[in-house]
Amino acid sequence: ETSERQMMVYFPEHRLLYGSDPFQRRQDGSFFYPQTVTELMDAVV
């Protein structure tokens, strides 16, 4: 919904994903914001 105009790039041999830029990592290590974290996870599933 928020990451409508983004693509992810997957390297199947390495199980490595480039997730574009739907969310950021804060200084405390948490991710912002959760909505777009779920959108990337849902796309992977």
ModelCIF file with pLDDT and N, C-alpha, C, O atoms, coordinates in Angstrom:
data_MODEL
#
_entry.id   MODEL 
#
_entity.id                         1 
_entity.type                       polymer 
_entity.pdbx_number_of_molecules   1 
#
_entity_poly.entity_id                      1 
_entity_poly.type                           'polypeptide(L)' 
_entity_poly.nstd_linkage                   no 
_entity_poly.nstd_monomer                   no 
_entity_poly.pdbx_seq_one_letter_code       ETSERQMMVYFPEHRLLYGSDPFQRRQDGSFFYPQTVTELMDAVV 
_entity_poly.pdbx_seq_one_letter_code_can   ETSERQMMVYFPEHRLLYGSDPFQRRQDGSFFYPQTVTELMDAVV 
_entity_poly.pdbx_strand_id                 A 
#
loop_
_entity_poly_seq.entity_id 
_entity_poly_seq.num 
_entity_poly_seq.mon_id 
_entity_poly_seq.hetero 
1 1  GLU n 
1 2  THR n 
1 3  SER n 
1 4  GLU n 
1 5  ARG n 
1 6  GLN n 
1 7  MET n 
1 8  MET n 
1 9  VAL n 
1 10 TYR n 
1 11 PHE n 
1 12 PRO n 
1 13 GLU n 
1 14 HIS n 
1 15 ARG n 
1 16 LEU n 
1 17 LEU n 
1 18 TYR n 
1 19 GLY n 
1 20 SER n 
1 21 ASP n 
1 22 PRO n 
1 23 PHE n 
1 24 GLN n 
1 25 ARG n 
1 26 ARG n 
1 27 GLN n 
1 28 ASP n 
1 29 GLY n 
1 30 SER n 
1 31 PHE n 
1 32 PHE n 
1 33 TYR n 
1 34 PRO n 
1 35 GLN n 
1 36 THR n 
1 37 VAL n 
1 38 THR n 
1 39 GLU n 
1 40 LEU n 
1 41 MET n 
1 42 ASP n 
1 43 ALA n 
1 44 VAL n 
1 45 VAL n 
#
_struct_asym.id          A 
_struct_asym.entity_id   1 
#
loop_
_ma_qa_metric.id 
_ma_qa_metric.mode 
_ma_qa_metric.name 
_ma_qa_metric.software_group_id 
_ma_qa_metric.type 
1 global pLDDT . pLDDT 
2 local  pLDDT . pLDDT 
#
_ma_qa_metric_global.metric_id      1 
_ma_qa_metric_global.metric_value   92.71 
_ma_qa_metric_global.model_id       1 
_ma_qa_metric_global.ordinal_id     1 
#
loop_
_ma_qa_metric_local.label_asym_id 
_ma_qa_metric_local.label_comp_id 
_ma_qa_metric_local.label_seq_id 
_ma_qa_metric_local.metric_id 
_ma_qa_metric_local.metric_value 
_ma_qa_metric_local.model_id 
_ma_qa_metric_local.ordinal_id 
A GLU 1  2 91.00 1 1  
A THR 2  2 88.00 1 2  
A SER 3  2 92.00 1 3  
A GLU 4  2 92.00 1 4  
A ARG 5  2 93.00 1 5  
A GLN 6  2 96.00 1 6  
A MET 7  2 97.00 1 7  
A MET 8  2 98.00 1 8  
A VAL 9  2 98.00 1 9  
A TYR 10 2 98.00 1 10 
A PHE 11 2 98.00 1 11 
A PRO 12 2 98.00 1 12 
A GLU 13 2 98.00 1 13 
A HIS 14 2 98.00 1 14 
A ARG 15 2 98.00 1 15 
A LEU 16 2 98.00 1 16 
A LEU 17 2 98.00 1 17 
A TYR 18 2 98.00 1 18 
A GLY 19 2 97.00 1 19 
A SER 20 2 96.00 1 20 
A ASP 21 2 93.00 1 21 
A PRO 22 2 93.00 1 22 
A PHE 23 2 92.00 1 23 
A GLN 24 2 89.00 1 24 
A ARG 25 2 89.00 1 25 
A ARG 26 2 84.00 1 26 
A GLN 27 2 84.00 1 27 
A ASP 28 2 82.00 1 28 
A GLY 29 2 82.00 1 29 
A SER 30 2 83.00 1 30 
A PHE 31 2 86.00 1 31 
A PHE 32 2 82.00 1 32 
A TYR 33 2 80.00 1 33 
A PRO 34 2 86.00 1 34 
A GLN 35 2 89.00 1 35 
A THR 36 2 92.00 1 36 
A VAL 37 2 94.00 1 37 
A THR 38 2 95.00 1 38 
A GLU 39 2 96.00 1 39 
A LEU 40 2 97.00 1 40 
A MET 41 2 97.00 1 41 
A ASP 42 2 96.00 1 42 
A ALA 43 2 97.00 1 43 
A VAL 44 2 97.00 1 44 
A VAL 45 2 97.00 1 45 
#
loop_
_atom_site.group_PDB 
_atom_site.id 
_atom_site.type_symbol 
_atom_site.label_atom_id 
_atom_site.label_alt_id 
_atom_site.label_comp_id 
_atom_site.label_asym_id 
_atom_site.label_entity_id 
_atom_site.label_seq_id 
_atom_site.pdbx_PDB_ins_code 
_atom_site.Cartn_x 
_atom_site.Cartn_y 
_atom_site.Cartn_z 
_atom_site.occupancy 
_atom_site.B_iso_or_equiv 
_atom_site.pdbx_formal_charge 
_atom_site.auth_seq_id 
_atom_site.auth_comp_id 
_atom_site.auth_asym_id 
_atom_site.auth_atom_id 
_atom_site.pdbx_PDB_model_num 
ATOM 1   N N  . GLU A 1 1  ? 0.829  -1.196  0.000  1.00 91.00 ? 1  GLU A N  1 
ATOM 2   C CA . GLU A 1 1  ? 0.000  0.000   0.000  1.00 91.00 ? 1  GLU A CA 1 
ATOM 3   C C  . GLU A 1 1  ? 0.870  1.255   0.000  1.00 91.00 ? 1  GLU A C  1 
ATOM 4   O O  . GLU A 1 1  ? 0.636  2.174   -0.785 1.00 91.00 ? 1  GLU A O  1 
ATOM 5   N N  . THR A 1 2  ? 1.867  1.297   0.872  1.00 88.00 ? 2  THR A N  1 
ATOM 6   C CA . THR A 1 2  ? 2.788  2.431   0.915  1.00 88.00 ? 2  THR A CA 1 
ATOM 7   C C  . THR A 1 2  ? 3.975  2.224   -0.014 1.00 88.00 ? 2  THR A C  1 
ATOM 8   O O  . THR A 1 2  ? 4.537  3.191   -0.528 1.00 88.00 ? 2  THR A O  1 
ATOM 9   N N  . SER A 1 3  ? 4.357  0.979   -0.234 1.00 92.00 ? 3  SER A N  1 
ATOM 10  C CA . SER A 1 3  ? 5.504  0.651   -1.094 1.00 92.00 ? 3  SER A CA 1 
ATOM 11  C C  . SER A 1 3  ? 5.050  0.276   -2.501 1.00 92.00 ? 3  SER A C  1 
ATOM 12  O O  . SER A 1 3  ? 5.669  -0.560  -3.159 1.00 92.00 ? 3  SER A O  1 
ATOM 13  N N  . GLU A 1 4  ? 3.989  0.885   -2.946 1.00 92.00 ? 4  GLU A N  1 
ATOM 14  C CA . GLU A 1 4  ? 3.379  0.577   -4.239 1.00 92.00 ? 4  GLU A CA 1 
ATOM 15  C C  . GLU A 1 4  ? 4.343  0.762   -5.409 1.00 92.00 ? 4  GLU A C  1 
ATOM 16  O O  . GLU A 1 4  ? 4.280  0.021   -6.390 1.00 92.00 ? 4  GLU A O  1 
ATOM 17  N N  . ARG A 1 5  ? 5.233  1.749   -5.305 1.00 93.00 ? 5  ARG A N  1 
ATOM 18  C CA . ARG A 1 5  ? 6.122  2.094   -6.424 1.00 93.00 ? 5  ARG A CA 1 
ATOM 19  C C  . ARG A 1 5  ? 7.538  1.574   -6.211 1.00 93.00 ? 5  ARG A C  1 
ATOM 20  O O  . ARG A 1 5  ? 8.496  2.158   -6.717 1.00 93.00 ? 5  ARG A O  1 
ATOM 21  N N  . GLN A 1 6  ? 7.676  0.485   -5.471 1.00 96.00 ? 6  GLN A N  1 
ATOM 22  C CA . GLN A 1 6  ? 9.006  -0.060  -5.205 1.00 96.00 ? 6  GLN A CA 1 
ATOM 23  C C  . GLN A 1 6  ? 9.110  -1.522  -5.646 1.00 96.00 ? 6  GLN A C  1 
ATOM 24  O O  . GLN A 1 6  ? 8.113  -2.235  -5.757 1.00 96.00 ? 6  GLN A O  1 
ATOM 25  N N  . MET A 1 7  ? 10.358 -1.940  -5.895 1.00 97.00 ? 7  MET A N  1 
ATOM 26  C CA . MET A 1 7  ? 10.641 -3.319  -6.286 1.00 97.00 ? 7  MET A CA 1 
ATOM 27  C C  . MET A 1 7  ? 11.679 -3.909  -5.334 1.00 97.00 ? 7  MET A C  1 
ATOM 28  O O  . MET A 1 7  ? 12.485 -3.187  -4.745 1.00 97.00 ? 7  MET A O  1 
ATOM 29  N N  . MET A 1 8  ? 11.644 -5.218  -5.197 1.00 98.00 ? 8  MET A N  1 
ATOM 30  C CA . MET A 1 8  ? 12.689 -5.914  -4.442 1.00 98.00 ? 8  MET A CA 1 
ATOM 31  C C  . MET A 1 8  ? 13.498 -6.768  -5.415 1.00 98.00 ? 8  MET A C  1 
ATOM 32  O O  . MET A 1 8  ? 12.992 -7.254  -6.427 1.00 98.00 ? 8  MET A O  1 
ATOM 33  N N  . VAL A 1 9  ? 14.762 -6.929  -5.073 1.00 98.00 ? 9  VAL A N  1 
ATOM 34  C CA . VAL A 1 9  ? 15.700 -7.669  -5.926 1.00 98.00 ? 9  VAL A CA 1 
ATOM 35  C C  . VAL A 1 9  ? 16.213 -8.864  -5.128 1.00 98.00 ? 9  VAL A C  1 
ATOM 36  O O  . VAL A 1 9  ? 16.787 -8.702  -4.051 1.00 98.00 ? 9  VAL A O  1 
ATOM 37  N N  . TYR A 1 10 ? 16.001 -10.056 -5.664 1.00 98.00 ? 10 TYR A N  1 
ATOM 38  C CA . TYR A 1 10 ? 16.294 -11.293 -4.925 1.00 98.00 ? 10 TYR A CA 1 
ATOM 39  C C  . TYR A 1 10 ? 17.418 -12.062 -5.613 1.00 98.00 ? 10 TYR A C  1 
ATOM 40  O O  . TYR A 1 10 ? 17.453 -12.202 -6.835 1.00 98.00 ? 10 TYR A O  1 
ATOM 41  N N  . PHE A 1 11 ? 18.339 -12.556 -4.777 1.00 98.00 ? 11 PHE A N  1 
ATOM 42  C CA . PHE A 1 11 ? 19.435 -13.400 -5.245 1.00 98.00 ? 11 PHE A CA 1 
ATOM 43  C C  . PHE A 1 11 ? 19.182 -14.810 -4.718 1.00 98.00 ? 11 PHE A C  1 
ATOM 44  O O  . PHE A 1 11 ? 19.585 -15.123 -3.598 1.00 98.00 ? 11 PHE A O  1 
ATOM 45  N N  . PRO A 1 12 ? 18.523 -15.672 -5.501 1.00 98.00 ? 12 PRO A N  1 
ATOM 46  C CA . PRO A 1 12 ? 18.062 -16.963 -4.966 1.00 98.00 ? 12 PRO A CA 1 
ATOM 47  C C  . PRO A 1 12 ? 19.184 -17.875 -4.507 1.00 98.00 ? 12 PRO A C  1 
ATOM 48  O O  . PRO A 1 12 ? 19.017 -18.623 -3.544 1.00 98.00 ? 12 PRO A O  1 
ATOM 49  N N  . GLU A 1 13 ? 20.327 -17.824 -5.180 1.00 98.00 ? 13 GLU A N  1 
ATOM 50  C CA . GLU A 1 13 ? 21.429 -18.718 -4.807 1.00 98.00 ? 13 GLU A CA 1 
ATOM 51  C C  . GLU A 1 13 ? 22.022 -18.345 -3.453 1.00 98.00 ? 13 GLU A C  1 
ATOM 52  O O  . GLU A 1 13 ? 22.650 -19.179 -2.801 1.00 98.00 ? 13 GLU A O  1 
ATOM 53  N N  . HIS A 1 14 ? 21.830 -17.120 -3.033 1.00 98.00 ? 14 HIS A N  1 
ATOM 54  C CA . HIS A 1 14 ? 22.430 -16.640 -1.786 1.00 98.00 ? 14 HIS A CA 1 
ATOM 55  C C  . HIS A 1 14 ? 21.389 -16.350 -0.706 1.00 98.00 ? 14 HIS A C  1 
ATOM 56  O O  . HIS A 1 14 ? 21.737 -15.966 0.410  1.00 98.00 ? 14 HIS A O  1 
ATOM 57  N N  . ARG A 1 15 ? 20.100 -16.537 -1.047 1.00 98.00 ? 15 ARG A N  1 
ATOM 58  C CA . ARG A 1 15 ? 19.012 -16.222 -0.115 1.00 98.00 ? 15 ARG A CA 1 
ATOM 59  C C  . ARG A 1 15 ? 19.158 -14.801 0.436  1.00 98.00 ? 15 ARG A C  1 
ATOM 60  O O  . ARG A 1 15 ? 18.986 -14.538 1.627  1.00 98.00 ? 15 ARG A O  1 
ATOM 61  N N  . LEU A 1 16 ? 19.475 -13.925 -0.470 1.00 98.00 ? 16 LEU A N  1 
ATOM 62  C CA . LEU A 1 16 ? 19.780 -12.529 -0.159 1.00 98.00 ? 16 LEU A CA 1 
ATOM 63  C C  . LEU A 1 16 ? 18.760 -11.645 -0.855 1.00 98.00 ? 16 LEU A C  1 
ATOM 64  O O  . LEU A 1 16 ? 18.432 -11.878 -2.018 1.00 98.00 ? 16 LEU A O  1 
ATOM 65  N N  . LEU A 1 17 ? 18.247 -10.622 -0.152 1.00 98.00 ? 17 LEU A N  1 
ATOM 66  C CA . LEU A 1 17 ? 17.226 -9.747  -0.708 1.00 98.00 ? 17 LEU A CA 1 
ATOM 67  C C  . LEU A 1 17 ? 17.645 -8.289  -0.575 1.00 98.00 ? 17 LEU A C  1 
ATOM 68  O O  . LEU A 1 17 ? 18.071 -7.845  0.491  1.00 98.00 ? 17 LEU A O  1 
ATOM 69  N N  . TYR A 1 18 ? 17.515 -7.549  -1.680 1.00 98.00 ? 18 TYR A N  1 
ATOM 70  C CA . TYR A 1 18 ? 17.610 -6.093  -1.629 1.00 98.00 ? 18 TYR A CA 1 
ATOM 71  C C  . TYR A 1 18 ? 16.188 -5.567  -1.581 1.00 98.00 ? 18 TYR A C  1 
ATOM 72  O O  . TYR A 1 18 ? 15.416 -5.790  -2.514 1.00 98.00 ? 18 TYR A O  1 
ATOM 73  N N  . GLY A 1 19 ? 15.828 -4.869  -0.507 1.00 97.00 ? 19 GLY A N  1 
ATOM 74  C CA . GLY A 1 19 ? 14.440 -4.508  -0.261 1.00 97.00 ? 19 GLY A CA 1 
ATOM 75  C C  . GLY A 1 19 ? 14.051 -3.107  -0.661 1.00 97.00 ? 19 GLY A C  1 
ATOM 76  O O  . GLY A 1 19 ? 13.024 -2.613  -0.196 1.00 97.00 ? 19 GLY A O  1 
ATOM 77  N N  . SER A 1 20 ? 14.827 -2.438  -1.506 1.00 96.00 ? 20 SER A N  1 
ATOM 78  C CA . SER A 1 20 ? 14.557 -1.060  -1.921 1.00 96.00 ? 20 SER A CA 1 
ATOM 79  C C  . SER A 1 20 ? 14.654 -0.115  -0.727 1.00 96.00 ? 20 SER A C  1 
ATOM 80  O O  . SER A 1 20 ? 15.734 0.040   -0.157 1.00 96.00 ? 20 SER A O  1 
ATOM 81  N N  . ASP A 1 21 ? 13.535 0.526   -0.335 1.00 93.00 ? 21 ASP A N  1 
ATOM 82  C CA . ASP A 1 21 ? 13.634 1.577   0.684  1.00 93.00 ? 21 ASP A CA 1 
ATOM 83  C C  . ASP A 1 21 ? 12.312 1.857   1.375  1.00 93.00 ? 21 ASP A C  1 
ATOM 84  O O  . ASP A 1 21 ? 12.017 3.026   1.622  1.00 93.00 ? 21 ASP A O  1 
ATOM 85  N N  . PRO A 1 22 ? 11.504 0.872   1.700  1.00 93.00 ? 22 PRO A N  1 
ATOM 86  C CA . PRO A 1 22 ? 10.202 1.162   2.290  1.00 93.00 ? 22 PRO A CA 1 
ATOM 87  C C  . PRO A 1 22 ? 10.246 1.578   3.755  1.00 93.00 ? 22 PRO A C  1 
ATOM 88  O O  . PRO A 1 22 ? 9.286  2.170   4.248  1.00 93.00 ? 22 PRO A O  1 
ATOM 89  N N  . PHE A 1 23 ? 11.333 1.286   4.463  1.00 92.00 ? 23 PHE A N  1 
ATOM 90  C CA . PHE A 1 23 ? 11.422 1.667   5.868  1.00 92.00 ? 23 PHE A CA 1 
ATOM 91  C C  . PHE A 1 23 ? 12.871 1.948   6.226  1.00 92.00 ? 23 PHE A C  1 
ATOM 92  O O  . PHE A 1 23 ? 13.789 1.676   5.452  1.00 92.00 ? 23 PHE A O  1 
ATOM 93  N N  . GLN A 1 24 ? 13.053 2.507   7.432  1.00 89.00 ? 24 GLN A N  1 
ATOM 94  C CA . GLN A 1 24 ? 14.375 2.895   7.902  1.00 89.00 ? 24 GLN A CA 1 
ATOM 95  C C  . GLN A 1 24 ? 14.694 2.172   9.209  1.00 89.00 ? 24 GLN A C  1 
ATOM 96  O O  . GLN A 1 24 ? 13.808 1.630   9.869  1.00 89.00 ? 24 GLN A O  1 
ATOM 97  N N  . ARG A 1 25 ? 15.963 2.174   9.562  1.00 89.00 ? 25 ARG A N  1 
ATOM 98  C CA . ARG A 1 25 ? 16.375 1.637   10.860 1.00 89.00 ? 25 ARG A CA 1 
ATOM 99  C C  . ARG A 1 25 ? 16.762 2.791   11.763 1.00 89.00 ? 25 ARG A C  1 
ATOM 100 O O  . ARG A 1 25 ? 17.602 3.620   11.412 1.00 89.00 ? 25 ARG A O  1 
ATOM 101 N N  . ARG A 1 26 ? 16.136 2.834   12.935 1.00 84.00 ? 26 ARG A N  1 
ATOM 102 C CA . ARG A 1 26 ? 16.459 3.872   13.905 1.00 84.00 ? 26 ARG A CA 1 
ATOM 103 C C  . ARG A 1 26 ? 17.791 3.589   14.579 1.00 84.00 ? 26 ARG A C  1 
ATOM 104 O O  . ARG A 1 26 ? 18.373 2.515   14.430 1.00 84.00 ? 26 ARG A O  1 
ATOM 105 N N  . GLN A 1 27 ? 18.258 4.589   15.328 1.00 84.00 ? 27 GLN A N  1 
ATOM 106 C CA . GLN A 1 27 ? 19.540 4.428   16.017 1.00 84.00 ? 27 GLN A CA 1 
ATOM 107 C C  . GLN A 1 27 ? 19.500 3.318   17.061 1.00 84.00 ? 27 GLN A C  1 
ATOM 108 O O  . GLN A 1 27 ? 20.527 2.707   17.355 1.00 84.00 ? 27 GLN A O  1 
ATOM 109 N N  . ASP A 1 28 ? 18.315 3.053   17.626 1.00 82.00 ? 28 ASP A N  1 
ATOM 110 C CA . ASP A 1 28 ? 18.220 1.984   18.629 1.00 82.00 ? 28 ASP A CA 1 
ATOM 111 C C  . ASP A 1 28 ? 18.075 0.596   18.004 1.00 82.00 ? 28 ASP A C  1 
ATOM 112 O O  . ASP A 1 28 ? 17.923 -0.398  18.714 1.00 82.00 ? 28 ASP A O  1 
ATOM 113 N N  . GLY A 1 29 ? 18.123 0.535   16.673 1.00 82.00 ? 29 GLY A N  1 
ATOM 114 C CA . GLY A 1 29 ? 18.044 -0.743  15.984 1.00 82.00 ? 29 GLY A CA 1 
ATOM 115 C C  . GLY A 1 29 ? 16.652 -1.143  15.558 1.00 82.00 ? 29 GLY A C  1 
ATOM 116 O O  . GLY A 1 29 ? 16.503 -2.114  14.816 1.00 82.00 ? 29 GLY A O  1 
ATOM 117 N N  . SER A 1 30 ? 15.613 -0.429  16.001 1.00 83.00 ? 30 SER A N  1 
ATOM 118 C CA . SER A 1 30 ? 14.246 -0.739  15.594 1.00 83.00 ? 30 SER A CA 1 
ATOM 119 C C  . SER A 1 30 ? 14.007 -0.219  14.174 1.00 83.00 ? 30 SER A C  1 
ATOM 120 O O  . SER A 1 30 ? 14.781 0.582   13.650 1.00 83.00 ? 30 SER A O  1 
ATOM 121 N N  . PHE A 1 31 ? 12.933 -0.687  13.577 1.00 86.00 ? 31 PHE A N  1 
ATOM 122 C CA . PHE A 1 31 ? 12.625 -0.305  12.200 1.00 86.00 ? 31 PHE A CA 1 
ATOM 123 C C  . PHE A 1 31 ? 11.374 0.574   12.165 1.00 86.00 ? 31 PHE A C  1 
ATOM 124 O O  . PHE A 1 31 ? 10.410 0.357   12.898 1.00 86.00 ? 31 PHE A O  1 
ATOM 125 N N  . PHE A 1 32 ? 11.431 1.577   11.282 1.00 82.00 ? 32 PHE A N  1 
ATOM 126 C CA . PHE A 1 32 ? 10.309 2.499   11.152 1.00 82.00 ? 32 PHE A CA 1 
ATOM 127 C C  . PHE A 1 32 ? 9.990  2.685   9.664  1.00 82.00 ? 32 PHE A C  1 
ATOM 128 O O  . PHE A 1 32 ? 10.872 3.039   8.882  1.00 82.00 ? 32 PHE A O  1 
ATOM 129 N N  . TYR A 1 33 ? 8.730  2.448   9.271  1.00 80.00 ? 33 TYR A N  1 
ATOM 130 C CA . TYR A 1 33 ? 7.688  2.199   10.244 1.00 80.00 ? 33 TYR A CA 1 
ATOM 131 C C  . TYR A 1 33 ? 7.095  0.815   10.002 1.00 80.00 ? 33 TYR A C  1 
ATOM 132 O O  . TYR A 1 33 ? 7.259  0.269   8.910  1.00 80.00 ? 33 TYR A O  1 
ATOM 133 N N  . PRO A 1 34 ? 6.402  0.221   10.999 1.00 86.00 ? 34 PRO A N  1 
ATOM 134 C CA . PRO A 1 34 ? 6.012  -1.191  10.936 1.00 86.00 ? 34 PRO A CA 1 
ATOM 135 C C  . PRO A 1 34 ? 5.132  -1.553  9.748  1.00 86.00 ? 34 PRO A C  1 
ATOM 136 O O  . PRO A 1 34 ? 5.224  -2.667  9.233  1.00 86.00 ? 34 PRO A O  1 
ATOM 137 N N  . GLN A 1 35 ? 4.278  -0.629  9.305  1.00 89.00 ? 35 GLN A N  1 
ATOM 138 C CA . GLN A 1 35 ? 3.394  -0.917  8.173  1.00 89.00 ? 35 GLN A CA 1 
ATOM 139 C C  . GLN A 1 35 ? 4.198  -1.371  6.958  1.00 89.00 ? 35 GLN A C  1 
ATOM 140 O O  . GLN A 1 35 ? 3.863  -2.375  6.330  1.00 89.00 ? 35 GLN A O  1 
ATOM 141 N N  . THR A 1 36 ? 5.250  -0.639  6.629  1.00 92.00 ? 36 THR A N  1 
ATOM 142 C CA . THR A 1 36 ? 6.016  -0.982  5.428  1.00 92.00 ? 36 THR A CA 1 
ATOM 143 C C  . THR A 1 36 ? 6.912  -2.186  5.655  1.00 92.00 ? 36 THR A C  1 
ATOM 144 O O  . THR A 1 36 ? 7.276  -2.878  4.704  1.00 92.00 ? 36 THR A O  1 
ATOM 145 N N  . VAL A 1 37 ? 7.274  -2.446  6.917  1.00 94.00 ? 37 VAL A N  1 
ATOM 146 C CA . VAL A 1 37 ? 8.000  -3.686  7.212  1.00 94.00 ? 37 VAL A CA 1 
ATOM 147 C C  . VAL A 1 37 ? 7.121  -4.883  6.846  1.00 94.00 ? 37 VAL A C  1 
ATOM 148 O O  . VAL A 1 37 ? 7.591  -5.841  6.231  1.00 94.00 ? 37 VAL A O  1 
ATOM 149 N N  . THR A 1 38 ? 5.851  -4.822  7.225  1.00 95.00 ? 38 THR A N  1 
ATOM 150 C CA . THR A 1 38 ? 4.949  -5.932  6.903  1.00 95.00 ? 38 THR A CA 1 
ATOM 151 C C  . THR A 1 38 ? 4.723  -6.049  5.403  1.00 95.00 ? 38 THR A C  1 
ATOM 152 O O  . THR A 1 38 ? 4.533  -7.152  4.892  1.00 95.00 ? 38 THR A O  1 
ATOM 153 N N  . GLU A 1 39 ? 4.742  -4.920  4.688  1.00 96.00 ? 39 GLU A N  1 
ATOM 154 C CA . GLU A 1 39 ? 4.527  -4.979  3.245  1.00 96.00 ? 39 GLU A CA 1 
ATOM 155 C C  . GLU A 1 39 ? 5.663  -5.718  2.545  1.00 96.00 ? 39 GLU A C  1 
ATOM 156 O O  . GLU A 1 39 ? 5.423  -6.497  1.622  1.00 96.00 ? 39 GLU A O  1 
ATOM 157 N N  . LEU A 1 40 ? 6.897  -5.478  2.980  1.00 97.00 ? 40 LEU A N  1 
ATOM 158 C CA . LEU A 1 40 ? 8.020  -6.203  2.389  1.00 97.00 ? 40 LEU A CA 1 
ATOM 159 C C  . LEU A 1 40 ? 7.963  -7.683  2.767  1.00 97.00 ? 40 LEU A C  1 
ATOM 160 O O  . LEU A 1 40 ? 8.214  -8.550  1.931  1.00 97.00 ? 40 LEU A O  1 
ATOM 161 N N  . MET A 1 41 ? 7.637  -7.964  4.011  1.00 97.00 ? 41 MET A N  1 
ATOM 162 C CA . MET A 1 41 ? 7.538  -9.356  4.448  1.00 97.00 ? 41 MET A CA 1 
ATOM 163 C C  . MET A 1 41 ? 6.418  -10.089 3.704  1.00 97.00 ? 41 MET A C  1 
ATOM 164 O O  . MET A 1 41 ? 6.580  -11.245 3.313  1.00 97.00 ? 41 MET A O  1 
ATOM 165 N N  . ASP A 1 42 ? 5.298  -9.420  3.513  1.00 96.00 ? 42 ASP A N  1 
ATOM 166 C CA . ASP A 1 42 ? 4.188  -10.033 2.788  1.00 96.00 ? 42 ASP A CA 1 
ATOM 167 C C  . ASP A 1 42 ? 4.566  -10.327 1.341  1.00 96.00 ? 42 ASP A C  1 
ATOM 168 O O  . ASP A 1 42 ? 4.171  -11.356 0.793  1.00 96.00 ? 42 ASP A O  1 
ATOM 169 N N  . ALA A 1 43 ? 5.329  -9.428  0.717  1.00 97.00 ? 43 ALA A N  1 
ATOM 170 C CA . ALA A 1 43 ? 5.751  -9.650  -0.671 1.00 97.00 ? 43 ALA A CA 1 
ATOM 171 C C  . ALA A 1 43 ? 6.662  -10.867 -0.778 1.00 97.00 ? 43 ALA A C  1 
ATOM 172 O O  . ALA A 1 43 ? 6.579  -11.636 -1.735 1.00 97.00 ? 43 ALA A O  1 
ATOM 173 N N  . VAL A 1 44 ? 7.527  -11.031 0.209  1.00 97.00 ? 44 VAL A N  1 
ATOM 174 C CA . VAL A 1 44 ? 8.420  -12.204 0.218  1.00 97.00 ? 44 VAL A CA 1 
ATOM 175 C C  . VAL A 1 44 ? 7.609  -13.490 0.345  1.00 97.00 ? 44 VAL A C  1 
ATOM 176 O O  . VAL A 1 44 ? 7.883  -14.474 -0.343 1.00 97.00 ? 44 VAL A O  1 
ATOM 177 N N  . VAL A 1 45 ? 6.621  -13.478 1.217  1.00 97.00 ? 45 VAL A N  1 
ATOM 178 C CA . VAL A 1 45 ? 5.760  -14.659 1.374  1.00 97.00 ? 45 VAL A CA 1 
ATOM 179 C C  . VAL A 1 45 ? 4.974  -14.918 0.098  1.00 97.00 ? 45 VAL A C  1 
ATOM 180 O O  . VAL A 1 45 ? 4.195  -15.869 0.034  1.00 97.00 ? 45 VAL A O  1 
#
